[in-house]
Protein backbone atom coordinates (compact mmCIF):
# COMPACT_ATOMS: atom_id res chain seq x y z
CA MET A 1 -21.28 44.95 -9.61
CA THR A 2 -20.89 43.80 -13.16
CA SER A 3 -22.64 40.51 -12.55
CA LEU A 4 -25.64 42.19 -11.00
CA LEU A 5 -25.87 44.64 -13.92
CA PHE A 6 -25.75 41.70 -16.40
CA GLY A 7 -28.32 39.89 -14.33
CA ALA A 8 -30.65 42.91 -14.46
CA PHE A 9 -30.06 43.17 -18.24
CA SER A 10 -31.02 39.45 -18.63
CA ILE A 11 -34.29 40.00 -16.76
CA ILE A 12 -35.08 43.04 -18.89
CA ASN A 13 -34.22 40.95 -21.97
CA VAL A 14 -36.72 38.20 -20.98
CA ILE A 15 -39.47 40.76 -20.31
CA TYR A 16 -38.86 42.42 -23.71
CA VAL A 17 -38.81 39.08 -25.63
CA ALA A 18 -41.90 37.82 -23.89
CA ALA A 19 -43.78 41.05 -24.64
CA LYS A 20 -42.69 41.43 -28.25
CA TRP A 21 -42.67 37.69 -29.36
CA PRO A 22 -44.79 35.79 -26.77
CA LEU A 23 -45.33 32.76 -29.10
CA GLU A 24 -41.72 32.42 -30.31
CA LYS A 25 -40.38 29.57 -28.25
CA ARG A 26 -37.08 29.80 -30.07
CA LEU A 27 -36.60 33.15 -28.30
CA VAL A 28 -38.47 32.80 -24.96
CA ILE A 29 -36.81 29.52 -23.96
CA PRO A 30 -33.17 30.69 -24.55
CA SER A 31 -34.03 33.97 -22.78
CA LEU A 32 -35.22 32.11 -19.78
CA ALA A 33 -32.13 29.92 -19.93
CA LEU A 34 -30.02 33.09 -19.80
CA ILE A 35 -31.52 34.03 -16.46
CA VAL A 36 -30.67 30.54 -15.13
CA LEU A 37 -27.15 30.77 -16.47
CA VAL A 38 -26.52 34.25 -15.16
CA SER A 39 -27.80 33.29 -11.70
CA PHE A 40 -25.57 30.21 -11.68
CA GLN A 41 -22.68 32.33 -12.87
CA ILE A 42 -23.14 34.77 -9.91
CA PHE A 43 -23.27 31.75 -7.57
CA LEU A 44 -20.06 30.30 -9.00
CA GLY A 45 -18.31 33.69 -8.82
CA ALA A 46 -19.24 33.97 -5.14
CA ASN A 47 -17.98 30.43 -4.53
CA ILE A 48 -14.65 31.22 -6.19
CA ILE A 49 -14.18 34.09 -3.75
CA TRP A 50 -15.40 32.12 -0.67
CA HIS A 51 -13.29 29.00 -1.43
CA GLN A 52 -10.15 30.74 -2.61
CA LYS A 53 -10.21 29.85 -6.32
CA PRO A 54 -10.67 25.98 -6.47
CA PHE A 55 -9.91 24.55 -9.88
CA LEU A 56 -13.32 22.91 -10.55
CA ILE A 57 -15.39 25.86 -9.60
CA THR A 58 -13.18 28.23 -11.63
CA THR A 59 -13.40 26.00 -14.68
CA LEU A 60 -17.20 25.79 -14.33
CA HIS A 61 -17.35 29.65 -13.99
CA VAL A 62 -15.51 29.96 -17.35
CA LEU A 63 -17.68 27.35 -18.99
CA VAL A 64 -20.92 28.96 -17.91
CA GLY A 65 -19.57 32.40 -19.03
CA ALA A 66 -18.93 30.95 -22.50
CA SER A 67 -22.42 29.44 -22.48
CA ILE A 68 -23.92 32.88 -21.65
CA LEU A 69 -22.02 34.41 -24.51
CA GLY A 70 -23.25 31.76 -27.03
CA MET A 71 -26.82 31.91 -25.73
CA SER A 72 -26.78 35.70 -25.90
CA LEU A 73 -25.54 35.63 -29.48
CA ALA A 74 -28.29 33.08 -30.41
CA VAL A 75 -31.01 35.30 -28.93
CA ALA A 76 -29.68 38.39 -30.67
CA VAL A 77 -29.47 36.64 -34.06
CA ARG A 78 -32.86 35.11 -33.85
CA SER A 79 -34.51 38.31 -32.76
CA LYS A 80 -32.84 40.19 -35.57
CA LEU A 81 -34.06 37.54 -38.10
CA LEU A 82 -37.61 37.84 -36.72
CA THR A 83 -37.44 41.65 -37.03
CA TYR A 84 -36.76 41.36 -40.74
CA ALA A 85 -39.38 38.56 -41.27
């Protein structure tokens, strides 16, 4: 349930960024990358359940989660800087 909620939030984020700053590639590209990462994260989470927690898939799931956190922080900081500019 949480993954679907975060996926919906990522889609709303991309729509908002594309509407507010359509020419800012420093925001639009990371926002699109967030959708790809969240989709991959959901896929990995499902595979962890289906294959009973294999080591490689679990490690990738954690790695992608950390990437999502970093990308979300980058988008938030860049959008805040553009708001003040």
